[in-house]
PDB file of N, CA and C in Angstrom:
ATOM      1  N   MET A   1     156.152  49.562 153.068  1.00  0.00           N
ATOM      2  CA  MET A   1     156.305  50.431 154.203  1.00  0.00           C
ATOM      3  C   MET A   1     154.946  50.591 154.888  1.00  0.00           C
ATOM      4  N   ARG A   2     154.925  50.467 156.189  1.00  0.00           N
ATOM      5  CA  ARG A   2     153.699  50.620 156.964  1.00  0.00           C
ATOM      6  C   ARG A   2     153.376  52.094 157.156  1.00  0.00           C
ATOM      7  N   LEU A   3     152.095  52.391 157.098  1.00  0.00           N
ATOM      8  CA  LEU A   3     151.629  53.762 157.261  1.00  0.00           C
ATOM      9  C   LEU A   3     150.969  53.881 158.627  1.00  0.00           C
ATOM     10  N   ALA A   4     151.787  54.192 159.630  1.00  0.00           N
ATOM     11  CA  ALA A   4     151.331  54.254 161.012  1.00  0.00           C
ATOM     12  C   ALA A   4     150.540  55.529 161.274  1.00  0.00           C
ATOM     13  N   GLY A   5     149.658  55.435 162.262  1.00  0.00           N
ATOM     14  CA  GLY A   5     148.904  56.594 162.689  1.00  0.00           C
ATOM     15  C   GLY A   5     149.692  57.392 163.713  1.00  0.00           C
ATOM     16  N   SER A   6     149.378  58.663 163.838  1.00  0.00           N
ATOM     17  CA  SER A   6     150.057  59.507 164.824  1.00  0.00           C
ATOM     18  C   SER A   6     149.755  59.046 166.248  1.00  0.00           C
ATOM     19  N   TRP A   7     148.727  58.275 166.433  1.00  0.00           N
ATOM     20  CA  TRP A   7     148.320  57.744 167.734  1.00  0.00           C
ATOM     21  C   TRP A   7     149.091  56.476 168.117  1.00  0.00           C
ATOM     22  N   GLN A   8     149.844  55.911 167.182  1.00  0.00           N
ATOM     23  CA  GLN A   8     150.519  54.641 167.414  1.00  0.00           C
ATOM     24  C   GLN A   8     151.865  54.799 168.108  1.00  0.00           C
ATOM     25  N   VAL A   9     152.258  53.723 168.805  1.00  0.00           N
ATOM     26  CA  VAL A   9     153.583  53.597 169.398  1.00  0.00           C
ATOM     27  C   VAL A   9     154.221  52.336 168.824  1.00  0.00           C
ATOM     28  N   LEU A  10     155.526  52.203 168.980  1.00  0.00           N
ATOM     29  CA  LEU A  10     156.258  51.064 168.413  1.00  0.00           C
ATOM     30  C   LEU A  10     155.689  49.726 168.878  1.00  0.00           C
ATOM     31  N   LEU A  11     155.267  49.644 170.113  1.00  0.00           N
ATOM     32  CA  LEU A  11     154.714  48.401 170.640  1.00  0.00           C
ATOM     33  C   LEU A  11     153.524  47.907 169.824  1.00  0.00           C
ATOM     34  N   ASP A  12     152.753  48.824 169.260  1.00  0.00           N
ATOM     35  CA  ASP A  12     151.578  48.434 168.483  1.00  0.00           C
ATOM     36  C   ASP A  12     151.953  47.503 167.329  1.00  0.00           C
ATOM     37  N   ASP A  13     153.035  47.812 166.631  1.00  0.00           N
ATOM     38  CA  ASP A  13     153.481  46.941 165.538  1.00  0.00           C
ATOM     39  C   ASP A  13     153.868  45.560 166.057  1.00  0.00           C
ATOM     40  N   ARG A  14     154.559  45.508 167.201  1.00  0.00           N
ATOM     41  CA  ARG A  14     154.952  44.209 167.776  1.00  0.00           C
ATOM     42  C   ARG A  14     153.718  43.382 168.121  1.00  0.00           C
ATOM     43  N   ILE A  15     152.711  44.030 168.686  1.00  0.00           N
ATOM     44  CA  ILE A  15     151.479  43.322 169.043  1.00  0.00           C
ATOM     45  C   ILE A  15     150.814  42.760 167.790  1.00  0.00           C
ATOM     46  N   LEU A  16     150.669  43.579 166.771  1.00  0.00           N
ATOM     47  CA  LEU A  16     150.040  43.120 165.529  1.00  0.00           C
ATOM     48  C   LEU A  16     150.839  41.991 164.888  1.00  0.00           C
ATOM     49  N   GLU A  17     152.159  42.094 164.926  1.00  0.00           N
ATOM     50  CA  GLU A  17     153.015  41.050 164.361  1.00  0.00           C
ATOM     51  C   GLU A  17     152.826  39.714 165.088  1.00  0.00           C
ATOM     52  N   LEU A  18     152.638  39.744 166.396  1.00  0.00           N
ATOM     53  CA  LEU A  18     152.403  38.512 167.148  1.00  0.00           C
ATOM     54  C   LEU A  18     151.149  37.807 166.662  1.00  0.00           C
ATOM     55  N   PHE A  19     150.091  38.555 166.426  1.00  0.00           N
ATOM     56  CA  PHE A  19     148.867  37.965 165.900  1.00  0.00           C
ATOM     57  C   PHE A  19     149.105  37.368 164.519  1.00  0.00           C
ATOM     58  N   ASP A  20     149.832  38.087 163.693  1.00  0.00           N
ATOM     59  CA  ASP A  20     150.057  37.659 162.311  1.00  0.00           C
ATOM     60  C   ASP A  20     150.993  36.457 162.229  1.00  0.00           C
ATOM     61  N   GLU A  21     151.978  36.383 163.094  1.00  0.00           N
ATOM     62  CA  GLU A  21     152.987  35.323 163.038  1.00  0.00           C
ATOM     63  C   GLU A  21     152.587  34.067 163.797  1.00  0.00           C
ATOM     64  N   GLY A  22     151.715  34.198 164.763  1.00  0.00           N
ATOM     65  CA  GLY A  22     151.402  33.087 165.644  1.00  0.00           C
ATOM     66  C   GLY A  22     150.382  32.117 165.072  1.00  0.00           C
ATOM     67  N   ASP A  23     150.265  30.993 165.745  1.00  0.00           N
ATOM     68  CA  ASP A  23     149.303  29.971 165.353  1.00  0.00           C
ATOM     69  C   ASP A  23     147.922  30.244 165.938  1.00  0.00           C
ATOM     70  N   GLU A  24     147.872  31.092 166.942  1.00  0.00           N
ATOM     71  CA  GLU A  24     146.619  31.378 167.625  1.00  0.00           C
ATOM     72  C   GLU A  24     145.892  32.537 166.954  1.00  0.00           C
ATOM     73  N   GLU A  25     144.608  32.361 166.695  1.00  0.00           N
ATOM     74  CA  GLU A  25     143.818  33.435 166.106  1.00  0.00           C
ATOM     75  C   GLU A  25     143.432  34.469 167.161  1.00  0.00           C
ATOM     76  N   TYR A  26     143.236  34.007 168.382  1.00  0.00           N
ATOM     77  CA  TYR A  26     142.810  34.867 169.477  1.00  0.00           C
ATOM     78  C   TYR A  26     143.905  34.935 170.535  1.00  0.00           C
ATOM     79  N   LEU A  27     144.141  36.134 171.054  1.00  0.00           N
ATOM     80  CA  LEU A  27     145.137  36.314 172.107  1.00  0.00           C
ATOM     81  C   LEU A  27     144.605  37.255 173.173  1.00  0.00           C
ATOM     82  N   LYS A  28     145.074  37.036 174.392  1.00  0.00           N
ATOM     83  CA  LYS A  28     144.770  37.915 175.515  1.00  0.00           C
ATOM     84  C   LYS A  28     145.995  38.784 175.778  1.00  0.00           C
ATOM     85  N   PRO A  29     145.802  39.998 176.269  1.00  0.00           N
ATOM     86  CA  PRO A  29     146.943  40.847 176.595  1.00  0.00           C
ATOM     87  C   PRO A  29     147.945  40.169 177.532  1.00  0.00           C
ATOM     88  N   ALA A  30     147.471  39.366 178.462  1.00  0.00           N
ATOM     89  CA  ALA A  30     148.388  38.661 179.372  1.00  0.00           C
ATOM     90  C   ALA A  30     149.304  37.722 178.597  1.00  0.00           C
ATOM     91  N   GLU A  31     148.772  37.063 177.565  1.00  0.00           N
ATOM     92  CA  GLU A  31     149.585  36.166 176.727  1.00  0.00           C
ATOM     93  C   GLU A  31     150.586  36.972 175.902  1.00  0.00           C
ATOM     94  N   ILE A  32     150.144  38.097 175.389  1.00  0.00           N
ATOM     95  CA  ILE A  32     151.023  38.954 174.592  1.00  0.00           C
ATOM     96  C   ILE A  32     152.173  39.468 175.454  1.00  0.00           C
ATOM     97  N   ALA A  33     151.851  39.894 176.660  1.00  0.00           N
ATOM     98  CA  ALA A  33     152.867  40.458 177.567  1.00  0.00           C
ATOM     99  C   ALA A  33     153.933  39.428 177.941  1.00  0.00           C
ATOM    100  N   GLN A  34     153.617  38.142 177.850  1.00  0.00           N
ATOM    101  CA  GLN A  34     154.578  37.097 178.202  1.00  0.00           C
ATOM    102  C   GLN A  34     155.593  36.825 177.095  1.00  0.00           C
ATOM    103  N   ASP A  35     155.330  37.308 175.876  1.00  0.00           N
ATOM    104  CA  ASP A  35     156.257  37.092 174.773  1.00  0.00           C
ATOM    105  C   ASP A  35     157.558  37.845 175.039  1.00  0.00           C
ATOM    106  N   GLU A  36     158.685  37.229 174.722  1.00  0.00           N
ATOM    107  CA  GLU A  36     159.992  37.836 175.016  1.00  0.00           C
ATOM    108  C   GLU A  36     160.243  39.133 174.263  1.00  0.00           C
ATOM    109  N   ARG A  37     159.552  39.357 173.149  1.00  0.00           N
ATOM    110  CA  ARG A  37     159.729  40.598 172.382  1.00  0.00           C
ATOM    111  C   ARG A  37     158.955  41.770 172.971  1.00  0.00           C
ATOM    112  N   ILE A  38     158.033  41.465 173.859  1.00  0.00           N
ATOM    113  CA  ILE A  38     157.182  42.490 174.480  1.00  0.00           C
ATOM    114  C   ILE A  38     157.732  42.772 175.866  1.00  0.00           C
ATOM    115  N   ARG A  39     158.254  43.931 176.055  1.00  0.00           N
ATOM    116  CA  ARG A  39     158.863  44.282 177.344  1.00  0.00           C
ATOM    117  C   ARG A  39     158.025  45.321 178.068  1.00  0.00           C
ATOM    118  N   HIS A  40     156.752  45.020 178.176  1.00  0.00           N
ATOM    119  CA  HIS A  40     155.811  45.915 178.825  1.00  0.00           C
ATOM    120  C   HIS A  40     154.864  45.107 179.697  1.00  0.00           C
ATOM    121  N   SER A  41     154.239  45.768 180.626  1.00  0.00           N
ATOM    122  CA  SER A  41     153.318  45.109 181.547  1.00  0.00           C
ATOM    123  C   SER A  41     152.022  44.705 180.835  1.00  0.00           C
ATOM    124  N   ARG A  42     151.330  43.777 181.460  1.00  0.00           N
ATOM    125  CA  ARG A  42     150.038  43.345 180.944  1.00  0.00           C
ATOM    126  C   ARG A  42     149.078  44.527 180.860  1.00  0.00           C
ATOM    127  N   SER A  43     149.099  45.398 181.838  1.00  0.00           N
ATOM    128  CA  SER A  43     148.173  46.530 181.834  1.00  0.00           C
ATOM    129  C   SER A  43     148.456  47.487 180.668  1.00  0.00           C
ATOM    130  N   TYR A  44     149.736  47.695 180.349  1.00  0.00           N
ATOM    131  CA  TYR A  44     150.063  48.566 179.213  1.00  0.00           C
ATOM    132  C   TYR A  44     149.697  47.889 177.891  1.00  0.00           C
ATOM    133  N   VAL A  45     149.936  46.589 177.787  1.00  0.00           N
ATOM    134  CA  VAL A  45     149.550  45.844 176.581  1.00  0.00           C
ATOM    135  C   VAL A  45     148.031  45.907 176.414  1.00  0.00           C
ATOM    136  N   THR A  46     147.289  45.780 177.504  1.00  0.00           N
ATOM    137  CA  THR A  46     145.830  45.884 177.452  1.00  0.00           C
ATOM    138  C   THR A  46     145.409  47.244 176.905  1.00  0.00           C
ATOM    139  N   LYS A  47     146.045  48.290 177.385  1.00  0.00           N
ATOM    140  CA  LYS A  47     145.752  49.647 176.916  1.00  0.00           C
ATOM    141  C   LYS A  47     145.992  49.768 175.413  1.00  0.00           C
ATOM    142  N   ARG A  48     147.111  49.216 174.941  1.00  0.00           N
ATOM    143  CA  ARG A  48     147.430  49.307 173.513  1.00  0.00           C
ATOM    144  C   ARG A  48     146.482  48.457 172.678  1.00  0.00           C
ATOM    145  N   CYS A  49     146.092  47.287 173.167  1.00  0.00           N
ATOM    146  CA  CYS A  49     145.127  46.452 172.435  1.00  0.00           C
ATOM    147  C   CYS A  49     143.800  47.185 172.287  1.00  0.00           C
ATOM    148  N   ARG A  50     143.371  47.859 173.330  1.00  0.00           N
ATOM    149  CA  ARG A  50     142.138  48.648 173.258  1.00  0.00           C
ATOM    150  C   ARG A  50     142.259  49.745 172.211  1.00  0.00           C
ATOM    151  N   LYS A  51     143.405  50.412 172.196  1.00  0.00           N
ATOM    152  CA  LYS A  51     143.629  51.484 171.221  1.00  0.00           C
ATOM    153  C   LYS A  51     143.618  50.926 169.800  1.00  0.00           C
ATOM    154  N   LEU A  52     144.277  49.782 169.594  1.00  0.00           N
ATOM    155  CA  LEU A  52     144.288  49.144 168.273  1.00  0.00           C
ATOM    156  C   LEU A  52     142.875  48.734 167.864  1.00  0.00           C
ATOM    157  N   ALA A  53     142.082  48.274 168.807  1.00  0.00           N
ATOM    158  CA  ALA A  53     140.691  47.917 168.516  1.00  0.00           C
ATOM    159  C   ALA A  53     139.862  49.162 168.196  1.00  0.00           C
ATOM    160  N   ASP A  54     140.103  50.249 168.915  1.00  0.00           N
ATOM    161  CA  ASP A  54     139.397  51.510 168.647  1.00  0.00           C
ATOM    162  C   ASP A  54     139.629  51.985 167.219  1.00  0.00           C
ATOM    163  N   HIS A  55     140.798  51.661 166.674  1.00  0.00           N
ATOM    164  CA  HIS A  55     141.155  52.095 165.318  1.00  0.00           C
ATOM    165  C   HIS A  55     140.994  50.988 164.279  1.00  0.00           C
ATOM    166  N   GLY A  56     140.386  49.868 164.664  1.00  0.00           N
ATOM    167  CA  GLY A  56     140.014  48.837 163.699  1.00  0.00           C
ATOM    168  C   GLY A  56     141.090  47.849 163.303  1.00  0.00           C
ATOM    169  N   LEU A  57     142.260  47.884 163.950  1.00  0.00           N
ATOM    170  CA  LEU A  57     143.324  46.945 163.586  1.00  0.00           C
ATOM    171  C   LEU A  57     143.211  45.625 164.351  1.00  0.00           C
ATOM    172  N   LEU A  58     142.594  45.674 165.511  1.00  0.00           N
ATOM    173  CA  LEU A  58     142.240  44.480 166.278  1.00  0.00           C
ATOM    174  C   LEU A  58     140.743  44.526 166.519  1.00  0.00           C
ATOM    175  N   GLN A  59     140.178  43.350 166.832  1.00  0.00           N
ATOM    176  CA  GLN A  59     138.778  43.269 167.210  1.00  0.00           C
ATOM    177  C   GLN A  59     138.692  42.603 168.568  1.00  0.00           C
ATOM    178  N   ALA A  60     137.955  43.210 169.488  1.00  0.00           N
ATOM    179  CA  ALA A  60     137.687  42.583 170.782  1.00  0.00           C
ATOM    180  C   ALA A  60     136.553  41.588 170.568  1.00  0.00           C
ATOM    181  N   VAL A  61     136.842  40.298 170.774  1.00  0.00           N
ATOM    182  CA  VAL A  61     135.827  39.269 170.539  1.00  0.00           C
ATOM    183  C   VAL A  61     135.103  38.894 171.824  1.00  0.00           C
ATOM    184  N   SER A  62     135.708  39.139 172.947  1.00  0.00           N
ATOM    185  CA  SER A  62     135.086  39.017 174.261  1.00  0.00           C
ATOM    186  C   SER A  62     135.958  39.814 175.215  1.00  0.00           C
ATOM    187  N   GLN A  63     135.560  39.878 176.454  1.00  0.00           N
ATOM    188  CA  GLN A  63     136.327  40.699 177.389  1.00  0.00           C
ATOM    189  C   GLN A  63     137.757  40.180 177.509  1.00  0.00           C
ATOM    190  N   GLY A  64     138.703  41.015 177.087  1.00  0.00           N
ATOM    191  CA  GLY A  64     140.113  40.670 177.206  1.00  0.00           C
ATOM    192  C   GLY A  64     140.629  39.678 176.180  1.00  0.00           C
ATOM    193  N   VAL A  65     139.892  39.474 175.093  1.00  0.00           N
ATOM    194  CA  VAL A  65     140.329  38.570 174.024  1.00  0.00           C
ATOM    195  C   VAL A  65     140.219  39.322 172.705  1.00  0.00           C
ATOM    196  N   TYR A  66     141.298  39.288 171.929  1.00  0.00           N
ATOM    197  CA  TYR A  66     141.364  40.046 170.678  1.00  0.00           C
ATOM    198  C   TYR A  66     141.758  39.148 169.520  1.00  0.00           C
ATOM    199  N   ARG A  67     141.417  39.633 168.324  1.00  0.00           N
ATOM    200  CA  ARG A  67     141.869  38.981 167.095  1.00  0.00           C
ATOM    201  C   ARG A  67     142.262  40.065 166.101  1.00  0.00           C
ATOM    202  N   LEU A  68     143.137  39.701 165.165  1.00  0.00           N
ATOM    203  CA  LEU A  68     143.597  40.614 164.121  1.00  0.00           C
ATOM    204  C   LEU A  68     142.502  40.774 163.071  1.00  0.00           C
ATOM    205  N   THR A  69     142.231  41.999 162.665  1.00  0.00           N
ATOM    206  CA  THR A  69     141.228  42.259 161.631  1.00  0.00           C
ATOM    207  C   THR A  69     141.878  42.235 160.243  1.00  0.00           C
ATOM    208  N   ASP A  70     141.035  42.263 159.220  1.00  0.00           N
ATOM    209  CA  ASP A  70     141.549  42.367 157.852  1.00  0.00           C
ATOM    210  C   ASP A  70     142.336  43.661 157.683  1.00  0.00           C
ATOM    211  N   GLU A  71     141.872  44.730 158.324  1.00  0.00           N
ATOM    212  CA  GLU A  71     142.582  46.008 158.252  1.00  0.00           C
ATOM    213  C   GLU A  71     143.942  45.906 158.940  1.00  0.00           C
ATOM    214  N   GLY A  72     144.010  45.166 160.035  1.00  0.00           N
ATOM    215  CA  GLY A  72     145.281  44.948 160.717  1.00  0.00           C
ATOM    216  C   GLY A  72     146.276  44.204 159.842  1.00  0.00           C
ATOM    217  N   ARG A  73     145.787  43.178 159.143  1.00  0.00           N
ATOM    218  CA  ARG A  73     146.660  42.433 158.214  1.00  0.00           C
ATOM    219  C   ARG A  73     147.125  43.337 157.070  1.00  0.00           C
ATOM    220  N   ALA A  74     146.197  44.131 156.536  1.00  0.00           N
ATOM    221  CA  ALA A  74     146.544  45.041 155.439  1.00  0.00           C
ATOM    222  C   ALA A  74     147.564  46.082 155.913  1.00  0.00           C
ATOM    223  N   TYR A  75     147.418  46.571 157.137  1.00  0.00           N
ATOM    224  CA  TYR A  75     148.378  47.520 157.697  1.00  0.00           C
ATOM    225  C   TYR A  75     149.779  46.897 157.732  1.00  0.00           C
ATOM    226  N   LEU A  76     149.866  45.665 158.198  1.00  0.00           N
ATOM    227  CA  LEU A  76     151.169  44.996 158.280  1.00  0.00           C
ATOM    228  C   LEU A  76     151.817  44.834 156.902  1.00  0.00           C
ATOM    229  N   ARG A  77     151.002  44.738 155.865  1.00  0.00           N
ATOM    230  CA  ARG A  77     151.521  44.613 154.486  1.00  0.00           C
ATOM    231  C   ARG A  77     151.750  45.973 153.831  1.00  0.00           C
ATOM    232  N   GLY A  78     151.442  47.063 154.540  1.00  0.00           N
ATOM    233  CA  GLY A  78     151.610  48.400 153.968  1.00  0.00           C
ATOM    234  C   GLY A  78     150.483  48.802 153.051  1.00  0.00           C
ATOM    235  N   GLU A  79     149.322  48.139 153.172  1.00  0.00           N
ATOM    236  CA  GLU A  79     148.191  48.394 152.291  1.00  0.00           C
ATOM    237  C   GLU A  79     147.058  49.159 152.980  1.00  0.00           C
ATOM    238  N   TYR A  80     147.300  49.598 154.204  1.00  0.00           N
ATOM    239  CA  TYR A  80     146.265  50.293 154.972  1.00  0.00           C
ATOM    240  C   TYR A  80     146.919  51.424 155.748  1.00  0.00           C
ATOM    241  N   ASP A  81     146.343  52.606 155.658  1.00  0.00           N
ATOM    242  CA  ASP A  81     146.860  53.785 156.344  1.00  0.00           C
ATOM    243  C   ASP A  81     146.153  53.909 157.692  1.00  0.00           C
ATOM    244  N   ALA A  82     146.865  53.659 158.763  1.00  0.00           N
ATOM    245  CA  ALA A  82     146.273  53.697 160.098  1.00  0.00           C
ATOM    246  C   ALA A  82     145.895  55.113 160.522  1.00  0.00           C
ATOM    247  N   GLU A  83     146.499  56.116 159.941  1.00  0.00           N
ATOM    248  CA  GLU A  83     146.168  57.506 160.275  1.00  0.00           C
ATOM    249  C   GLU A  83     144.794  57.878 159.730  1.00  0.00           C
ATOM    250  N   THR A  84     144.554  57.556 158.471  1.00  0.00           N
ATOM    251  CA  THR A  84     143.286  57.935 157.835  1.00  0.00           C
ATOM    252  C   THR A  84     142.228  56.847 157.967  1.00  0.00           C
ATOM    253  N   GLY A  85     142.642  55.627 158.304  1.00  0.00           N
ATOM    254  CA  GLY A  85     141.694  54.522 158.397  1.00  0.00           C
ATOM    255  C   GLY A  85     141.180  54.095 157.041  1.00  0.00           C
ATOM    256  N   ALA A  86     142.054  54.144 156.037  1.00  0.00           N
ATOM    257  CA  ALA A  86     141.645  53.811 154.674  1.00  0.00           C
ATOM    258  C   ALA A  86     142.683  52.915 154.014  1.00  0.00           C
ATOM    259  N   TYR A  87     142.194  52.075 153.118  1.00  0.00           N
ATOM    260  CA  TYR A  87     143.104  51.250 152.327  1.00  0.00           C
ATOM    261  C   TYR A  87     143.851  52.150 151.355  1.00  0.00           C
ATOM    262  N   VAL A  88     145.059  51.761 151.027  1.00  0.00           N
ATOM    263  CA  VAL A  88     145.921  52.530 150.149  1.00  0.00           C
ATOM    264  C   VAL A  88     145.864  51.919 148.758  1.00  0.00           C
ATOM    265  N   THR A  89     145.648  52.761 147.759  1.00  0.00           N
ATOM    266  CA  THR A  89     145.701  52.274 146.384  1.00  0.00           C
ATOM    267  C   THR A  89     147.152  52.269 145.929  1.00  0.00           C
ATOM    268  N   GLU A  90     147.446  51.541 144.874  1.00  0.00           N
ATOM    269  CA  GLU A  90     148.826  51.482 144.379  1.00  0.00           C
ATOM    270  C   GLU A  90     149.376  52.857 144.061  1.00  0.00           C
ATOM    271  N   SER A  91     148.553  53.734 143.520  1.00  0.00           N
ATOM    272  CA  SER A  91     149.038  55.069 143.162  1.00  0.00           C
ATOM    273  C   SER A  91     149.349  55.906 144.402  1.00  0.00           C
ATOM    274  N   GLU A  92     148.737  55.582 145.543  1.00  0.00           N
ATOM    275  CA  GLU A  92     148.994  56.323 146.776  1.00  0.00           C
ATOM    276  C   GLU A  92     150.118  55.722 147.599  1.00  0.00           C
ATOM    277  N   ALA A  93     150.459  54.485 147.313  1.00  0.00           N
ATOM    278  CA  ALA A  93     151.470  53.797 148.117  1.00  0.00           C
ATOM    279  C   ALA A  93     152.818  54.486 147.978  1.00  0.00           C
ATOM    280  N   ILE A  94     153.586  54.423 149.047  1.00  0.00           N
ATOM    281  CA  ILE A  94     154.921  55.003 149.028  1.00  0.00           C
ATOM    282  C   ILE A  94     155.842  54.043 148.291  1.00  0.00           C
ATOM    283  N   GLN A  95     156.406  54.510 147.227  1.00  0.00           N
ATOM    284  CA  GLN A  95     157.263  53.691 146.372  1.00  0.00           C
ATOM    285  C   GLN A  95     158.654  54.313 146.298  1.00  0.00           C
ATOM    286  N   PRO A  96     159.705  53.484 146.217  1.00  0.00           N
ATOM    287  CA  PRO A  96     161.037  54.056 146.038  1.00  0.00           C
ATOM    288  C   PRO A  96     161.196  54.603 144.620  1.00  0.00           C
ATOM    289  N   ASP A  97     161.890  55.740 144.504  1.00  0.00           N
ATOM    290  CA  ASP A  97     162.194  56.262 143.183  1.00  0.00           C
ATOM    291  C   ASP A  97     163.439  55.573 142.632  1.00  0.00           C
ATOM    292  N   GLU A  98     163.940  56.054 141.501  1.00  0.00           N
ATOM    293  CA  GLU A  98     165.085  55.409 140.858  1.00  0.00           C
ATOM    294  C   GLU A  98     166.346  55.426 141.711  1.00  0.00           C
ATOM    295  N   ASN A  99     166.408  56.301 142.709  1.00  0.00           N
ATOM    296  CA  ASN A  99     167.565  56.360 143.611  1.00  0.00           C
ATOM    297  C   ASN A  99     167.353  55.549 144.881  1.00  0.00           C
ATOM    298  N   GLY A 100     166.185  54.915 144.998  1.00  0.00           N
ATOM    299  CA  GLY A 100     165.886  54.132 146.195  1.00  0.00           C
ATOM    300  C   GLY A 100     165.287  54.939 147.318  1.00  0.00           C
ATOM    301  N   THR A 101     165.019  56.216 147.062  1.00  0.00           N
ATOM    302  CA  THR A 101     164.411  57.075 148.064  1.00  0.00           C
ATOM    303  C   THR A 101     162.894  56.879 147.996  1.00  0.00           C
ATOM    304  N   GLU A 102     162.270  56.724 149.180  1.00  0.00           N
ATOM    305  CA  GLU A 102     160.833  56.521 149.191  1.00  0.00           C
ATOM    306  C   GLU A 102     160.121  57.839 148.943  1.00  0.00           C
ATOM    307  N   VAL A 103     159.189  57.813 148.009  1.00  0.00           N
ATOM    308  CA  VAL A 103     158.408  58.995 147.663  1.00  0.00           C
ATOM    309  C   VAL A 103     156.943  58.599 147.618  1.00  0.00           C
ATOM    310  N   GLY A 104     156.082  59.581 147.799  1.00  0.00           N
ATOM    311  CA  GLY A 104     154.656  59.272 147.689  1.00  0.00           C
ATOM    312  C   GLY A 104     153.841  60.010 148.679  1.00  0.00           C
TER     313      GLY A 104
END
């Protein structure tokens, strides 16, 4: 389970997933906005990429070009808490109990 920050919106996960799933290491917001799963303008995608970079999930490598960070990859795997900006230890991770209900 991903531990999203209170500052995040659903689009942020889609953006991070594009970096993780794609063959390209670097992407521009204009390229992201052209993906069929992204139904937002280039300007809004740019705003979200900046926000993700501000919180360490993306890195701006040059003007308008981003790459996924190690923290971004860990977030996608549920190993990084975007709210606190810290890696999650196994004891802190949200785990299902014997009834399948997530606790933690």
